[in-house]
Structure formats: C-alpha cells, structure tokens
C-alpha cells in the first residue's frame, strides 16, 4: 500500500511537469501523445474529490485505451501512514453538518409524537369516563326497575292467593252446596239477625290470602336479618326443626329456609286462634252472639285500613287495646323462639306489623259469624290428603307422589261447606311413580 502511494505521487508530479503547448501559444498543434505511466493511480477516476483534480486541464492527457484492462479491476484507496484520510477537512465538516441536518427532523418529531400520544390517552380516558357514567346510570335504572318488579310480584302473589282460594271455594260449593247440612239457610240468617254473612265470608277468604302473603314477607325480612346475625341463630333454627327431622343448608337452599321459617312463624302467630282474643281460657265480654259478631266485624272495618305511618304516630293502643296486646305478645313469642335479643330495625318491625295485623283480621272475621269459622292443623307423619292439603313443592316434584306430611307451613280453615287448604311440605315416594310408569 505504501508503494502504491509513492507511485501515485510520482505520477502526479510528472503530470504537473508536462507542458501544454496549446496553453502557451494559444494555437492548435498536433502534439505527440506520450504513453501514460502504468501506475495504479491512473485507473482512478478524475471525479475523485481531491484538491489536485482542479488542475487536470493543465496536465497531460490520460487515456484508458493505452492501459491494460486488468488494471481497471484494481480499486485503490489512498491511506496515510498515520491513518488520516486524504479527504479534505471541509468535506468532513460538510458531511457532518448534513448528517446533523438529516437527524434533526427525527429529534424534533419525538416531542410531537409524545404530545400526540398524550392527546390520544386523554381522549381514551374521557371516552371511558363517559361510558362509566352511562353504565352507572343504566345500573341504577335497572336496580330501580328490579325493585318495582319485586313489589309488583308481591302484589301479584297476594292476588293469586286470593284468586286461588276464591276459585277453590266456588268449586267446592258447586259440589256440595245443595246437600251440605252446615250451610246456613236464609231463615237462619234472619233468625240470627245478621245479614252481612256473605260479605264476611268474602272478606275472610281475602284476609286469609293477605295473611299468608304477609307472613311470607316477614319470613323474607327475618331471613335477610339472620344472615347478618351469624351461626348462632342458624343453630337455633336447626334445633327448632329437629323434631320434624328436617336438615336444611342455609347457604345452598335459601328457598327451603324461607318455607321452614314461615312454618315456625305461622305456628307462633296462629297459636290459640280458637280462643277469644288469642287468649287461652279467655272470657268473652259480649255474651250475645249477634252483638258479638257485629262488634268483631266493626273492629275489622276499623283496623283494615290501618297503616304503618299511623302506628308510628299514635301507636297500636290508640286504635285497639286488644290488638296492641296481641302484637306485644306475639313479638315476645317470636323473640323467645329465635333467641334474638337485639333491637329490631324498622323494616323488620313494619313486616311484623303487616303479618300481625293480617292474622288478627282473620281472627276477627272468623268470630264475626256464629258459629265461628274453625281452624284446622296437621302434624308430622299424617298421610297427605289433597282435599285438605296443598303441597308447596308440588311444582318441583311433579313426578313424585307425596305420601306423608313433614311439616305444616300454614293452617287451613273450614268455611261451612268449603275448605281453605292448609299448606304443607311433604315427603315423597318415588316407587309408586316408577311402578305406574
């Protein structure tokens, strides 16, 4: 490489020493072409960026035809011994500036891309916030609609119970009305002097349906409160159901808990229903049966429209002394049954008032006719009878045959020739169904 550089310097020196006659005379002469020295630098292109290339017009003429073709394939890069290139410092500076100029748009585009990305994030967050607000509003509307539907379902349940009892009474009346010895005649009504008996019977059937719905509502409220009480209350309920050989899973089957708790509440609320004023061996203040029936029906009309707000303002004692004592006694019985000594929240008190009021109205209407309408109950182990009993799990056990009663949920009533069925939970025998199929 060092020898090639020396040959190149010698060639440049010879080119500079060669005189150009045309440049001295200014006239054209046919000069003799000297052969170009075969140096490696002769193959270099005249367009190389070298300071010496500017004097090419003053030097000799170079011709590639006079050189061997094998020399054209050799490319030589001039290199200094000390490692410095022959490129001028001005070219290096210009190339450096051009590289900076090419890189400057990239560096300036970084902040702009960051700001654009921040704007995109802001837009995305704003859109998500808008969607969150919209979703929250929709959720609140759905909860409100669910609450309304729940209230409507409760009202429909009451109406369905009324319709069920009324249809059953009509069906039973068509079957045995003409031959029933218990049906009072018109002469009997005139003799007793009580002409509102049909209205009393209709009100009684409606009140029984209301009472069953109200007690179920109390059972729901108690179930909700018991979930917050802990395991102690559940153990108490399990011990109460132990005589009926009932085992329930409170977490897996809340519907069964609702039915069994309703059975315990009805057993407490309807206890001593046959006695005057729900008091065992109680005395009747009015001995005349006609006057007693009229007084009970008048008390029914007075308490039928009693609301919870009126009770909060004036108390139950203001409207009826007997009803107030009945509420106090039944609340004490329920507290003792559950072993719950905490103060009752207002929603639970309101549910208890509705259940106690409905049961008391059924009692008043049952004693608004003479003789009074009797209640009947069934115990565990009694064979199931579809005429007087209704299985509450019949919709879920259609293919099973109920054989015996496990527990009574709600009592039944005799209404002259008609029957208001009691509601029970039965045990099933699947063998009969398999043999029939």
Protein backbone atom coordinates (compact mmCIF):
# COMPACT_ATOMS: atom_id res chain seq x y z
CA UNK A 1 0.00 0.00 0.00
CA UNK A 2 2.92 2.37 0.74
CA UNK A 3 4.47 1.66 -2.68
CA UNK A 4 1.23 2.46 -4.44
CA UNK A 5 1.06 5.86 -2.69
CA UNK A 6 4.62 6.69 -3.81
CA UNK A 7 3.81 5.76 -7.43
CA UNK A 8 0.72 7.92 -7.28
CA UNK A 9 2.72 10.93 -6.03
CA UNK A 10 5.29 10.41 -8.81
CA UNK A 11 2.55 10.25 -11.42
CA UNK A 12 1.02 13.50 -10.17
CA UNK A 13 4.44 15.12 -10.30
CA UNK A 14 5.01 14.02 -13.94
CA UNK A 15 1.59 15.27 -14.92
CA UNK A 16 2.38 18.69 -13.50
CA UNK A 17 5.81 18.81 -15.28
CA UNK A 18 4.31 18.02 -18.68
CA UNK A 19 3.93 21.30 -20.62
CA UNK A 20 0.86 22.04 -22.68
CA UNK A 21 1.81 23.80 -25.92
CA UNK A 22 -1.72 24.89 -26.58
CA UNK A 23 -1.81 26.81 -23.34
CA UNK A 24 1.41 28.71 -24.25
CA UNK A 25 0.80 29.53 -27.88
CA UNK A 26 -2.94 29.67 -27.88
CA UNK A 27 -2.77 27.94 -31.30
CA UNK A 28 -3.63 24.37 -32.16
CA UNK A 29 -0.70 21.96 -32.69
CA UNK A 30 -0.62 18.27 -33.25
CA UNK A 31 1.38 17.09 -30.30
CA UNK A 32 2.84 13.71 -29.84
CA UNK A 33 0.96 11.61 -27.27
CA UNK A 34 3.23 10.31 -24.63
CA UNK A 35 2.29 6.98 -23.17
CA UNK A 36 0.75 7.27 -19.79
CA UNK A 37 2.78 5.66 -16.99
CA UNK A 38 1.28 2.42 -15.80
CA UNK A 39 0.71 3.41 -12.23
CA UNK A 40 -2.15 2.21 -10.08
CA UNK A 41 -3.38 5.74 -9.58
CA UNK A 42 -4.01 6.14 -13.34
CA UNK A 43 -7.06 3.96 -13.09
CA UNK A 44 -8.64 6.28 -10.54
CA UNK A 45 -11.47 8.33 -11.87
CA UNK A 46 -10.85 12.04 -12.39
CA UNK A 47 -14.03 12.80 -10.47
CA UNK A 48 -12.46 11.79 -7.13
CA UNK A 49 -12.82 14.53 -4.57
CA UNK A 50 -9.21 15.60 -4.40
CA UNK A 51 -7.80 19.11 -4.34
CA UNK A 52 -5.36 18.21 -7.16
CA UNK A 53 -8.14 17.35 -9.65
CA UNK A 54 -8.82 21.03 -10.26
CA UNK A 55 -5.54 21.29 -12.29
CA UNK A 56 -6.37 18.43 -14.64
CA UNK A 57 -6.66 20.78 -17.64
CA UNK A 58 -3.06 21.93 -17.16
CA UNK A 59 -1.59 18.40 -17.03
CA UNK A 60 -1.11 15.67 -19.56
CA UNK A 61 -3.79 13.71 -21.36
CA UNK A 62 -4.72 10.35 -19.89
CA UNK A 63 -6.13 7.54 -21.98
CA UNK A 64 -7.59 4.34 -20.69
CA UNK A 65 -7.10 2.58 -24.04
CA UNK A 66 -3.35 2.55 -23.63
CA UNK A 67 -3.53 0.69 -20.28
CA UNK A 68 -4.10 -3.00 -19.78
CA UNK A 69 -7.67 -3.99 -18.96
CA UNK A 70 -6.54 -6.00 -15.99
CA UNK A 71 -5.58 -2.86 -14.19
CA UNK A 72 -9.12 -1.48 -14.34
CA UNK A 73 -10.33 -4.11 -11.89
CA UNK A 74 -7.99 -2.88 -9.17
CA UNK A 75 -9.50 -0.30 -6.78
CA UNK A 76 -7.05 1.56 -4.59
CA UNK A 77 -8.00 3.62 -1.57
CA UNK A 78 -5.31 6.15 -0.63
CA UNK A 79 -4.42 5.92 3.04
CA UNK A 80 -1.91 7.86 5.04
CA UNK A 81 0.60 6.11 7.23
CA UNK A 82 -0.73 7.85 10.29
CA UNK A 83 -4.26 6.73 9.48
CA UNK A 84 -5.50 10.09 8.13
CA UNK A 85 -7.67 10.10 5.05
CA UNK A 86 -6.88 12.29 2.07
CA UNK A 87 -10.41 13.77 2.17
CA UNK A 88 -10.30 17.47 2.94
CA UNK A 89 -11.47 18.73 6.36
CA UNK A 90 -14.07 20.88 4.58
CA UNK A 91 -15.71 17.76 3.14
CA UNK A 92 -15.73 16.09 6.53
CA UNK A 93 -17.35 19.16 8.12
CA UNK A 94 -19.97 19.34 5.36
CA UNK A 95 -20.77 15.65 5.71
CA UNK A 96 -21.10 16.10 9.49
CA UNK A 97 -23.46 19.05 9.03
CA UNK A 98 -25.51 17.12 6.50
CA UNK A 99 -25.82 14.20 8.94
CA UNK A 100 -27.00 16.58 11.66
CA UNK A 101 -29.46 18.11 9.24
CA UNK A 102 -30.85 14.68 8.37
CA UNK A 103 -31.18 13.70 12.04
CA UNK A 104 -32.76 16.94 13.21
CA UNK A 105 -36.30 16.16 11.96
CA UNK A 106 -36.25 12.87 13.88
CA UNK A 107 -35.25 14.57 17.10
CA UNK A 108 -37.85 17.26 16.66
CA UNK A 109 -40.53 14.71 15.88
CA UNK A 110 -40.13 12.96 19.27
CA UNK A 111 -41.91 15.65 21.34
CA UNK A 112 -44.63 15.94 18.74
CA UNK A 113 -45.24 12.17 18.82
CA UNK A 114 -45.32 12.23 22.64
CA UNK A 115 -47.83 15.06 22.67
CA UNK A 116 -49.98 13.24 20.11
CA UNK A 117 -49.85 10.10 22.25
CA UNK A 118 -50.87 12.10 25.32
CA UNK A 119 -53.80 13.56 23.43
CA UNK A 120 -54.89 10.07 22.41
CA UNK A 121 -54.72 8.90 26.02
CA UNK A 122 -56.74 11.89 27.17
CA UNK A 123 -59.40 11.18 24.57
CA UNK A 124 -59.49 7.50 25.55
CA UNK A 125 -59.81 8.32 29.26
CA UNK A 126 -62.58 10.83 28.56
CA UNK A 127 -64.45 8.26 26.50
CA UNK A 128 -64.07 5.60 29.21
CA UNK A 129 -65.31 8.06 31.85
CA UNK A 130 -68.34 8.82 29.73
CA UNK A 131 -69.05 5.13 29.29
CA UNK A 132 -68.64 4.52 33.03
CA UNK A 133 -71.12 7.27 33.88
CA UNK A 134 -73.55 5.90 31.30
CA UNK A 135 -73.16 2.36 32.65
CA UNK A 136 -73.67 3.53 36.24
CA UNK A 137 -76.84 5.35 35.24
CA UNK A 138 -78.11 2.24 33.47
CA UNK A 139 -77.31 0.11 36.53
CA UNK A 140 -79.26 2.45 38.83
CA UNK A 141 -82.20 2.37 36.46
CA UNK A 142 -82.05 -1.43 36.36
CA UNK A 143 -81.99 -1.63 40.17
CA UNK A 144 -84.98 0.68 40.39
CA UNK A 145 -86.84 -1.37 37.81
CA UNK A 146 -85.98 -4.58 39.69
CA UNK A 147 -87.36 -3.07 42.90
CA UNK A 148 -90.56 -2.15 41.12
CA UNK A 149 -90.86 -5.61 39.64
CA UNK A 150 -90.31 -7.17 43.05
CA UNK A 151 -93.09 -5.07 44.53
CA UNK A 152 -95.35 -5.98 41.61
CA UNK A 153 -94.58 -9.66 42.12
CA UNK A 154 -95.56 -9.39 45.77
CA UNK A 155 -98.86 -7.79 44.86
CA UNK A 156 -99.48 -10.40 42.17
CA UNK A 157 -98.74 -13.14 44.68
CA UNK A 158 -101.37 -11.75 47.03
CA UNK A 159 -103.92 -11.52 44.26
CA UNK A 160 -103.09 -15.04 43.10
CA UNK A 161 -103.62 -16.42 46.59
CA UNK A 162 -106.96 -14.65 46.79
CA UNK A 163 -107.99 -15.97 43.41
CA UNK A 164 -106.86 -19.47 44.29
CA UNK A 165 -108.88 -19.53 47.49
CA UNK A 166 -111.88 -18.00 45.82
CA UNK A 167 -111.83 -20.49 42.92
CA UNK A 168 -111.43 -23.40 45.28
CA UNK A 169 -114.34 -22.18 47.36
CA UNK A 170 -116.51 -21.90 44.25
CA UNK A 171 -115.53 -25.38 43.11
CA UNK A 172 -116.25 -26.91 46.49
CA UNK A 173 -119.50 -25.00 46.74
CA UNK A 174 -120.73 -26.36 43.43
CA UNK A 175 -120.06 -29.92 44.55
CA UNK A 176 -121.64 -30.00 47.99
CA UNK A 177 -123.63 -26.80 48.28
CA UNK A 178 -127.03 -28.33 47.83
CA UNK A 179 -126.51 -31.29 50.19
CA UNK A 180 -124.44 -29.62 52.92
CA UNK A 181 -126.03 -29.65 56.38
CA UNK A 182 -123.62 -26.95 57.57
CA UNK A 183 -124.81 -24.31 55.14
CA UNK A 184 -126.99 -21.78 56.97
CA UNK A 185 -130.37 -21.17 55.46
CA UNK A 186 -131.96 -17.80 54.83
CA UNK A 187 -134.34 -18.41 57.71
CA UNK A 188 -131.35 -18.98 59.99
CA UNK A 189 -129.77 -15.71 58.89
CA UNK A 190 -132.98 -13.83 59.55
CA UNK A 191 -133.32 -15.53 62.92
CA UNK A 192 -129.83 -14.54 63.92
CA UNK A 193 -130.39 -11.05 62.59
CA UNK A 194 -127.01 -10.91 60.86
CA UNK A 195 -127.44 -10.07 57.20
CA UNK A 196 -123.74 -9.40 56.25
CA UNK A 197 -122.63 -13.01 56.35
CA UNK A 198 -121.84 -13.27 52.64
CA UNK A 199 -119.71 -10.16 52.88
CA UNK A 200 -117.97 -11.57 55.94
CA UNK A 201 -117.12 -14.83 54.16
CA UNK A 202 -115.72 -12.97 51.16
CA UNK A 203 -113.64 -10.72 53.41
CA UNK A 204 -112.46 -13.76 55.36
CA UNK A 205 -111.13 -15.51 52.26
CA UNK A 206 -109.31 -12.37 51.15
CA UNK A 207 -107.86 -11.87 54.62
CA UNK A 208 -106.52 -15.43 54.72
CA UNK A 209 -104.69 -14.82 51.44
CA UNK A 210 -103.31 -11.50 52.73
CA UNK A 211 -102.17 -13.13 55.96
CA UNK A 212 -100.25 -15.85 54.16
CA UNK A 213 -98.51 -13.31 51.93
CA UNK A 214 -97.69 -11.06 54.90
CA UNK A 215 -96.21 -13.90 56.94
CA UNK A 216 -94.07 -14.87 53.96
CA UNK A 217 -92.88 -11.27 53.73
CA UNK A 218 -91.96 -11.39 57.42
CA UNK A 219 -90.07 -14.62 56.75
CA UNK A 220 -88.08 -12.92 53.97
CA UNK A 221 -87.22 -9.97 56.21
CA UNK A 222 -86.13 -12.26 59.02
CA UNK A 223 -84.03 -14.34 56.64
CA UNK A 224 -82.22 -11.21 55.49
CA UNK A 225 -81.56 -10.16 59.09
CA UNK A 226 -80.48 -13.64 60.16
CA UNK A 227 -77.71 -13.65 57.55
CA UNK A 228 -76.10 -10.80 59.45
CA UNK A 229 -76.52 -12.45 62.86
CA UNK A 230 -74.09 -15.31 62.40
CA UNK A 231 -74.15 -19.04 63.03
CA UNK A 232 -75.80 -18.90 66.45
CA UNK A 233 -79.26 -18.06 65.13
CA UNK A 234 -78.99 -20.73 62.42
CA UNK A 235 -78.20 -23.30 65.07
CA UNK A 236 -81.28 -22.16 66.96
CA UNK A 237 -83.49 -22.63 63.88
CA UNK A 238 -81.96 -26.06 63.26
CA UNK A 239 -82.80 -27.10 66.81
CA UNK A 240 -86.40 -25.91 66.32
CA UNK A 241 -86.71 -28.00 63.17
CA UNK A 242 -85.09 -31.08 64.70
CA UNK A 243 -88.42 -32.64 65.81
CA UNK A 244 -89.53 -32.57 62.17
CA UNK A 245 -86.35 -34.38 61.05
CA UNK A 246 -85.53 -31.53 58.70
CA UNK A 247 -81.98 -30.68 57.67
CA UNK A 248 -81.50 -27.64 55.53
CA UNK A 249 -78.44 -25.98 54.01
CA UNK A 250 -78.80 -22.29 54.66
CA UNK A 251 -76.27 -21.24 52.02
CA UNK A 252 -77.20 -23.67 49.25
CA UNK A 253 -81.01 -23.66 49.56
CA UNK A 254 -82.39 -20.33 50.84
CA UNK A 255 -85.86 -21.21 49.49
CA UNK A 256 -86.19 -24.09 51.95
CA UNK A 257 -85.09 -21.80 54.78
CA UNK A 258 -87.83 -19.37 53.76
CA UNK A 259 -90.52 -22.08 53.89
CA UNK A 260 -89.41 -23.60 57.18
CA UNK A 261 -89.09 -20.22 58.85
CA UNK A 262 -92.57 -19.36 57.54
CA UNK A 263 -93.85 -22.57 59.15
CA UNK A 264 -92.35 -21.60 62.51
CA UNK A 265 -93.82 -18.09 62.29
CA UNK A 266 -97.31 -19.34 61.39
CA UNK A 267 -97.20 -21.82 64.25
CA UNK A 268 -96.45 -18.97 66.64
CA UNK A 269 -98.85 -16.41 65.17
CA UNK A 270 -101.86 -18.77 64.92
CA UNK A 271 -101.37 -20.29 68.35
CA UNK A 272 -104.62 -20.07 70.38
CA UNK A 273 -106.51 -18.87 67.30
CA UNK A 274 -109.65 -20.69 68.52
CA UNK A 275 -109.74 -18.76 71.79
CA UNK A 276 -111.35 -15.36 72.28
CA UNK A 277 -108.71 -12.71 71.67
CA UNK A 278 -105.99 -15.39 71.22
CA UNK A 279 -106.08 -15.97 74.97
CA UNK A 280 -106.38 -19.48 76.32
CA UNK A 281 -109.43 -19.83 78.55
CA UNK A 282 -110.24 -16.20 77.81
CA UNK A 283 -113.65 -14.80 78.68
CA UNK A 284 -115.96 -13.25 76.13
CA UNK A 285 -117.00 -9.70 77.09
CA UNK A 286 -120.14 -9.92 74.91
CA UNK A 287 -122.38 -12.91 75.53
CA UNK A 288 -124.98 -12.20 72.86
CA UNK A 289 -123.70 -13.96 69.70
CA UNK A 290 -125.36 -11.50 67.32
CA UNK A 291 -123.88 -8.50 69.10
CA UNK A 292 -120.51 -10.24 69.37
CA UNK A 293 -120.44 -10.87 65.61
CA UNK A 294 -121.38 -7.26 64.88
CA UNK A 295 -118.68 -5.92 67.24
CA UNK A 296 -115.98 -8.09 65.70
CA UNK A 297 -116.94 -7.06 62.16
CA UNK A 298 -116.97 -3.36 63.18
CA UNK A 299 -113.47 -3.81 64.67
CA UNK A 300 -112.37 -5.43 61.42
CA UNK A 301 -113.54 -2.44 59.37
CA UNK A 302 -111.73 -0.08 61.76
CA UNK A 303 -108.38 -1.88 61.62
CA UNK A 304 -108.50 -2.93 57.97
CA UNK A 305 -107.28 0.45 56.74
CA UNK A 306 -104.69 0.94 59.50
CA UNK A 307 -101.29 1.91 58.07
CA UNK A 308 -97.75 1.75 59.39
CA UNK A 309 -97.42 5.53 59.45
CA UNK A 310 -100.47 5.82 61.68
CA UNK A 311 -99.00 3.26 64.04
CA UNK A 312 -95.71 5.19 64.19
CA UNK A 313 -97.55 8.40 65.02
CA UNK A 314 -100.15 7.12 67.50
CA UNK A 315 -99.31 3.53 68.34
CA UNK A 316 -101.48 0.42 68.13
CA UNK A 317 -103.03 1.01 71.56
CA UNK A 318 -104.74 4.14 70.24
CA UNK A 319 -106.77 2.09 67.77
CA UNK A 320 -107.38 -1.16 69.65
CA UNK A 321 -106.36 -2.32 73.11
CA UNK A 322 -106.77 -5.98 72.26
CA UNK A 323 -104.78 -5.68 69.04
CA UNK A 324 -101.97 -3.90 70.88
CA UNK A 325 -101.76 -6.71 73.46
CA UNK A 326 -101.81 -9.28 70.66
CA UNK A 327 -98.85 -7.59 68.90
CA UNK A 328 -96.81 -7.38 72.10
CA UNK A 329 -97.47 -11.00 72.97
CA UNK A 330 -96.64 -12.37 69.52
CA UNK A 331 -93.45 -10.33 69.21
CA UNK A 332 -92.28 -11.67 72.55
CA UNK A 333 -93.03 -15.21 71.38
CA UNK A 334 -91.02 -14.76 68.17
CA UNK A 335 -88.07 -13.24 70.04
CA UNK A 336 -88.10 -16.14 72.51
CA UNK A 337 -88.38 -18.67 69.69
CA UNK A 338 -85.35 -17.31 67.80
CA UNK A 339 -83.35 -16.31 70.87
CA UNK A 340 -82.75 -12.89 69.36
CA UNK A 341 -82.50 -10.06 71.88
CA UNK A 342 -81.33 -7.29 69.57
CA UNK A 343 -83.43 -4.29 68.66
CA UNK A 344 -85.49 -4.82 65.53
CA UNK A 345 -84.80 -2.46 62.60
CA UNK A 346 -87.74 -0.52 61.20
CA UNK A 347 -88.18 -2.63 58.01
CA UNK A 348 -88.46 -5.75 60.14
CA UNK A 349 -90.91 -4.05 62.51
CA UNK A 350 -93.03 -2.97 59.55
CA UNK A 351 -93.07 -6.53 58.19
CA UNK A 352 -94.08 -7.86 61.61
CA UNK A 353 -96.88 -5.29 61.86
CA UNK A 354 -98.24 -6.37 58.47
CA UNK A 355 -98.22 -10.06 59.44
CA UNK A 356 -99.71 -9.50 62.90
CA UNK A 357 -102.42 -7.22 61.54
CA UNK A 358 -103.42 -9.73 58.84
CA UNK A 359 -103.64 -12.63 61.30
CA UNK A 360 -105.65 -10.50 63.72
CA UNK A 361 -108.10 -9.54 60.96
CA UNK A 362 -108.56 -13.23 60.08
CA UNK A 363 -109.35 -13.87 63.74
CA UNK A 364 -111.92 -11.04 63.86
CA UNK A 365 -113.68 -12.25 60.72
CA UNK A 366 -113.69 -15.87 61.91
CA UNK A 367 -115.60 -14.68 65.01
CA UNK A 368 -117.87 -12.35 63.02
CA UNK A 369 -120.19 -15.28 62.23
CA UNK A 370 -121.95 -17.69 64.52
CA UNK A 371 -120.77 -20.31 64.92
CA UNK A 372 -117.23 -19.14 64.31
CA UNK A 373 -115.17 -20.48 61.43
CA UNK A 374 -112.89 -23.23 62.78
CA UNK A 375 -109.20 -23.61 62.03
CA UNK A 376 -107.50 -26.96 61.43
CA UNK A 377 -103.87 -28.04 61.58
CA UNK A 378 -101.96 -31.15 60.59
CA UNK A 379 -98.95 -32.67 62.27
CA UNK A 380 -95.88 -34.52 61.10
CA UNK A 381 -96.47 -38.03 59.81
CA UNK A 382 -100.07 -37.51 58.67
CA UNK A 383 -100.92 -39.04 55.30
CA UNK A 384 -101.25 -36.50 52.56
CA UNK A 385 -104.83 -35.66 51.54
CA UNK A 386 -105.24 -33.45 48.51
CA UNK A 387 -108.73 -32.33 49.56
CA UNK A 388 -107.49 -30.57 52.68
CA UNK A 389 -103.79 -30.11 51.97
CA UNK A 390 -101.65 -28.36 49.38
CA UNK A 391 -98.06 -29.39 48.75
CA UNK A 392 -95.83 -26.33 48.43
CA UNK A 393 -93.18 -28.25 46.49
CA UNK A 394 -95.61 -29.74 44.00
CA UNK A 395 -94.25 -27.62 41.15
CA UNK A 396 -90.72 -29.02 41.67
CA UNK A 397 -91.78 -32.61 42.38
CA UNK A 398 -94.35 -33.27 39.69
CA UNK A 399 -93.17 -36.82 39.03
CA UNK A 400 -93.10 -37.73 42.73
CA UNK A 401 -96.08 -38.80 44.79
CA UNK A 402 -96.50 -37.07 48.18
CA UNK A 403 -97.12 -39.68 50.85
CA UNK A 404 -96.87 -38.03 54.26
CA UNK A 405 -96.60 -34.60 55.82
CA UNK A 406 -93.20 -33.49 57.05
CA UNK A 407 -94.23 -30.06 58.37
CA UNK A 408 -97.23 -27.76 58.10
CA UNK A 409 -96.41 -24.31 56.70
CA UNK A 410 -99.82 -22.58 57.04
CA UNK A 411 -103.04 -23.77 58.72
CA UNK A 412 -106.36 -24.33 56.94
CA UNK A 413 -109.94 -23.31 57.66
CA UNK A 414 -113.42 -24.75 57.35
CA UNK A 415 -115.78 -22.28 55.73
CA UNK A 416 -119.09 -24.06 56.02
CA UNK A 417 -119.18 -26.43 53.05
CA UNK A 418 -115.88 -25.14 51.70
CA UNK A 419 -112.31 -25.69 52.79
CA UNK A 420 -109.32 -23.41 52.72
CA UNK A 421 -106.50 -25.90 52.32
CA UNK A 422 -103.57 -25.90 54.67
CA UNK A 423 -100.12 -25.68 53.11
CA UNK A 424 -97.62 -28.42 53.89
CA UNK A 425 -94.22 -29.77 52.88
CA UNK A 426 -94.36 -33.49 52.15
CA UNK A 427 -92.15 -36.50 51.90
CA UNK A 428 -92.27 -38.32 48.56
CA UNK A 429 -92.37 -41.90 47.43
CA UNK A 430 -90.76 -42.43 44.06
CA UNK A 431 -91.52 -46.17 43.92
CA UNK A 432 -95.19 -45.57 43.18
CA UNK A 433 -94.29 -43.33 40.30
CA UNK A 434 -91.87 -45.88 38.87
CA UNK A 435 -94.44 -48.67 39.09
CA UNK A 436 -97.09 -46.55 37.39
CA UNK A 437 -94.75 -45.58 34.59
